[in-house]
Protein backbone atom coordinates (compact mmCIF):
# COMPACT_ATOMS: atom_id res chain seq x y z
CA MET A 1 -17.18 60.18 21.71
CA ASN A 2 -14.62 62.70 20.61
CA LYS A 3 -10.92 61.88 20.32
CA ARG A 4 -9.97 64.15 23.36
CA LYS A 5 -12.39 62.28 25.74
CA GLU A 6 -11.22 58.96 24.38
CA SER A 7 -7.57 59.93 24.83
CA LYS A 8 -8.29 61.08 28.41
CA LYS A 9 -9.92 57.71 29.28
CA LEU A 10 -7.01 55.85 27.91
CA ASP A 11 -4.42 58.08 29.68
CA SER A 12 -6.22 57.45 33.06
CA LEU A 13 -6.43 53.67 32.53
CA ALA A 14 -4.56 51.97 35.33
CA ARG A 15 -2.07 49.17 34.81
CA ASN A 16 -3.64 45.71 34.75
CA ASP A 17 -7.03 47.34 33.95
CA GLY A 18 -9.30 47.35 30.97
CA ILE A 19 -12.08 49.43 29.39
CA ILE A 20 -14.66 49.22 26.58
CA LEU A 21 -15.05 52.24 24.34
CA GLU A 22 -18.53 51.47 23.31
CA ASP A 23 -18.99 54.16 20.65
CA GLU A 24 -15.91 52.94 18.78
CA LYS A 25 -16.57 49.22 19.71
CA ILE A 26 -12.96 48.97 21.04
CA ALA A 27 -11.68 46.93 24.00
CA VAL A 28 -8.47 48.25 25.61
CA PHE A 29 -6.17 46.63 28.24
CA ARG A 30 -3.17 48.23 29.86
CA ASP A 31 -0.71 45.48 31.03
CA ASN A 32 1.64 45.66 34.03
CA SER A 33 4.32 47.25 31.96
CA GLY A 34 2.06 50.06 30.83
CA GLU A 35 1.62 48.74 27.25
CA LEU A 36 -1.84 49.14 25.74
CA HIS A 37 -3.44 46.17 23.99
CA ILE A 38 -6.33 47.29 21.72
CA TYR A 39 -8.91 44.97 20.25
CA SER A 40 -12.30 45.04 18.48
CA ALA A 41 -14.96 44.84 21.26
CA VAL A 42 -17.07 42.64 18.95
CA CYS A 43 -17.28 39.00 20.04
CA THR A 44 -16.22 36.60 17.35
CA HIS A 45 -19.06 34.26 18.11
CA LEU A 46 -22.17 36.19 17.12
CA GLY A 47 -21.13 39.85 17.20
CA CYS A 48 -22.23 40.99 20.66
CA ILE A 49 -20.10 43.71 22.40
CA VAL A 50 -17.88 42.28 25.14
CA SER A 51 -17.57 43.86 28.67
CA TRP A 52 -14.63 44.27 30.89
CA ASN A 53 -14.40 41.81 33.79
CA PRO A 54 -12.17 43.33 36.46
CA LEU A 55 -12.09 40.33 38.61
CA GLU A 56 -10.92 37.84 35.97
CA LYS A 57 -8.99 40.50 33.91
CA SER A 58 -10.84 39.37 30.76
CA PHE A 59 -13.16 40.62 28.11
CA ASP A 60 -16.48 38.73 28.57
CA CYS A 61 -19.40 38.37 26.13
CA PRO A 62 -22.73 38.90 27.85
CA CYS A 63 -24.67 37.07 25.16
CA HIS A 64 -23.33 33.49 25.22
CA GLY A 65 -20.52 33.52 27.77
CA SER A 66 -17.37 33.65 25.64
CA ARG A 67 -14.37 34.99 27.42
CA PHE A 68 -11.20 36.49 25.97
CA SER A 69 -7.78 37.02 27.56
CA ALA A 70 -7.06 40.72 28.09
CA PRO A 71 -3.35 40.59 27.21
CA SER A 72 -3.69 38.42 24.11
CA GLY A 73 -7.28 38.51 22.89
CA LYS A 74 -7.32 34.70 22.78
CA VAL A 75 -10.38 32.68 23.63
CA ILE A 76 -10.44 31.50 27.30
CA ASN A 77 -13.93 29.99 27.17
CA GLY A 78 -16.27 29.39 24.17
CA PRO A 79 -18.49 29.18 22.33
CA ALA A 80 -16.31 31.60 20.34
CA ILE A 81 -13.42 29.80 18.64
CA SER A 82 -11.49 32.81 17.26
CA PRO A 83 -9.76 35.50 19.19
CA ILE A 84 -11.01 39.07 19.22
CA LYS A 85 -9.32 41.04 16.49
CA SER A 86 -6.27 43.08 17.48
CA GLN A 87 -6.41 46.84 16.62
CA ASP A 88 -2.79 47.55 17.68
């Protein structure tokens, strides 16, 4: 994805919403104050790419069920034990 498309996607990201930029393997969450939280989209368990869960406002791994907090990147549910890495 080119930088212009990426920037446009992030500019249009609503508050309290998230997105996965799959080409870059980046997970992004915009909090209620408008601040962007940017993480690696690679699950710390076994390296699968997480997906955005709009109902729970979390980044979830489809491989083994790990869940990560969107505002902090911390583990909500294992088997992962380490948070996803901040890219801020």
